[in-house]
Amino acid sequence: MGCESSRLTKCAPEQLGDEYLPQYDEAKGPFWVMDADAEAQIIFSKKGPGSKEVTPPTTMLDLMRLAVEQHGDKVAMRVERIDGKTPPIDQHDCKWQEWTYKQYMD
């Protein structure tokens, strides 16, 4: 019983080469930023899922546009409200206010 991944394995997982890891030693940075309008360089691996070819860079706005295109009429966000205000935790007779991806984007 249990999921397949919970079984014991008889050998160690395969170790991937350095080309599958982000190439920080070749990057110039900054590796993180705190200013709202600042940009940090994306550090890719040379191969695999972390590479630019497999996972091209994107923005949150582009991801939201894609969600609108694929799921525009589905609920994206839902909050409980009483007269437009967030209810106390112990109150159970609240109404849910919903926005679809399209409404949220607009």
Protein backbone atom coordinates (compact mmCIF):
# COMPACT_ATOMS: atom_id res chain seq x y z
CA MET A 1 0.00 0.00 0.00
CA GLY A 2 1.15 3.56 -0.52
CA CYS A 3 2.45 5.45 -3.48
CA GLU A 4 5.05 4.14 -5.88
CA SER A 5 7.62 6.70 -4.79
CA SER A 6 7.57 5.41 -1.19
CA ARG A 7 9.17 2.09 -2.14
CA LEU A 8 12.74 1.49 -1.08
CA THR A 9 15.22 1.50 -3.94
CA LYS A 10 18.14 -0.88 -4.26
CA CYS A 11 20.52 1.69 -5.69
CA ALA A 12 21.32 5.35 -5.33
CA PRO A 13 19.67 7.76 -7.79
CA GLU A 14 21.66 8.59 -10.88
CA GLN A 15 23.87 11.62 -10.41
CA LEU A 16 23.59 14.12 -13.23
CA GLY A 17 26.59 16.05 -14.47
CA ASP A 18 27.33 19.70 -13.81
CA GLU A 19 25.75 20.67 -17.15
CA TYR A 20 22.34 20.01 -15.54
CA LEU A 21 22.99 22.52 -12.72
CA PRO A 22 22.65 26.31 -12.91
CA GLN A 23 25.90 27.86 -14.11
CA TYR A 24 26.49 30.41 -11.32
CA ASP A 25 30.24 30.40 -11.85
CA GLU A 26 29.73 31.82 -15.36
CA ALA A 27 27.12 34.40 -14.30
CA LYS A 28 27.85 38.02 -13.53
CA GLY A 29 24.90 38.65 -11.21
CA PRO A 30 23.19 40.16 -9.38
CA PHE A 31 21.76 36.85 -8.18
CA TRP A 32 18.92 38.53 -6.28
CA VAL A 33 17.34 41.98 -6.14
CA MET A 34 14.97 43.77 -3.79
CA ASP A 35 13.91 46.88 -5.70
CA ALA A 36 10.51 46.58 -7.40
CA ASP A 37 11.89 47.77 -10.74
CA ALA A 38 15.20 45.87 -10.59
CA GLU A 39 16.06 42.85 -12.71
CA ALA A 40 18.12 39.81 -11.80
CA GLN A 41 19.81 37.70 -14.41
CA ILE A 42 18.24 34.26 -14.89
CA ILE A 43 20.85 31.55 -14.34
CA PHE A 44 20.24 28.56 -16.62
CA SER A 45 21.80 25.13 -16.80
CA LYS A 46 23.42 24.05 -20.04
CA LYS A 47 21.18 20.98 -20.43
CA GLY A 48 17.92 19.56 -19.11
CA PRO A 49 14.81 21.14 -17.60
CA GLY A 50 16.78 24.08 -16.22
CA SER A 51 18.11 25.07 -19.64
CA LYS A 52 16.95 28.04 -21.65
CA GLU A 53 15.94 25.74 -24.52
CA VAL A 54 13.64 23.55 -22.41
CA THR A 55 12.30 26.27 -20.10
CA PRO A 56 12.55 29.66 -21.81
CA PRO A 57 12.40 32.76 -19.62
CA THR A 58 8.98 34.31 -19.10
CA THR A 59 7.28 36.93 -16.94
CA MET A 60 4.38 36.70 -14.51
CA LEU A 61 2.35 38.85 -16.92
CA ASP A 62 3.02 36.41 -19.77
CA LEU A 63 1.97 33.49 -17.54
CA MET A 64 -1.24 35.33 -16.61
CA ARG A 65 -1.99 35.98 -20.29
CA LEU A 66 -1.49 32.29 -21.00
CA ALA A 67 -3.85 31.37 -18.14
CA VAL A 68 -6.48 33.76 -19.56
CA GLU A 69 -6.06 32.21 -23.01
CA GLN A 70 -6.35 28.63 -21.73
CA HIS A 71 -8.73 29.03 -18.75
CA GLY A 72 -10.28 32.51 -19.11
CA ASP A 73 -13.77 31.57 -17.88
CA LYS A 74 -12.60 29.46 -14.92
CA VAL A 75 -12.35 30.78 -11.35
CA ALA A 76 -8.91 32.22 -10.64
CA MET A 77 -9.53 33.67 -7.17
CA ARG A 78 -12.19 33.32 -4.53
CA VAL A 79 -12.54 35.17 -1.20
CA GLU A 80 -15.11 35.17 1.58
CA ARG A 81 -16.90 38.48 2.11
CA ILE A 82 -19.56 39.96 4.40
CA ASP A 83 -20.69 43.37 3.19
CA GLY A 84 -17.44 43.76 1.26
CA LYS A 85 -15.22 42.98 4.26
CA THR A 86 -13.22 39.93 5.26
CA PRO A 87 -15.21 38.03 7.93
CA PRO A 88 -13.90 36.87 11.29
CA ILE A 89 -12.43 33.35 11.26
CA ASP A 90 -15.29 31.83 13.29
CA GLN A 91 -18.07 33.16 11.03
CA HIS A 92 -19.48 30.51 8.67
CA ASP A 93 -22.34 32.26 6.83
CA CYS A 94 -20.16 34.18 4.38
CA LYS A 95 -20.58 34.60 0.66
CA TRP A 96 -17.76 33.89 -1.74
CA GLN A 97 -16.73 36.58 -4.19
CA GLU A 98 -15.17 35.07 -7.33
CA TRP A 99 -13.11 36.32 -10.26
CA THR A 100 -12.32 34.43 -13.42
CA TYR A 101 -8.84 34.62 -14.97
CA LYS A 102 -10.19 37.08 -17.54
CA GLN A 103 -11.81 39.31 -14.90
CA TYR A 104 -8.66 39.20 -12.77
CA MET A 105 -6.52 40.19 -15.77
CA ASP A 106 -8.80 43.06 -16.76
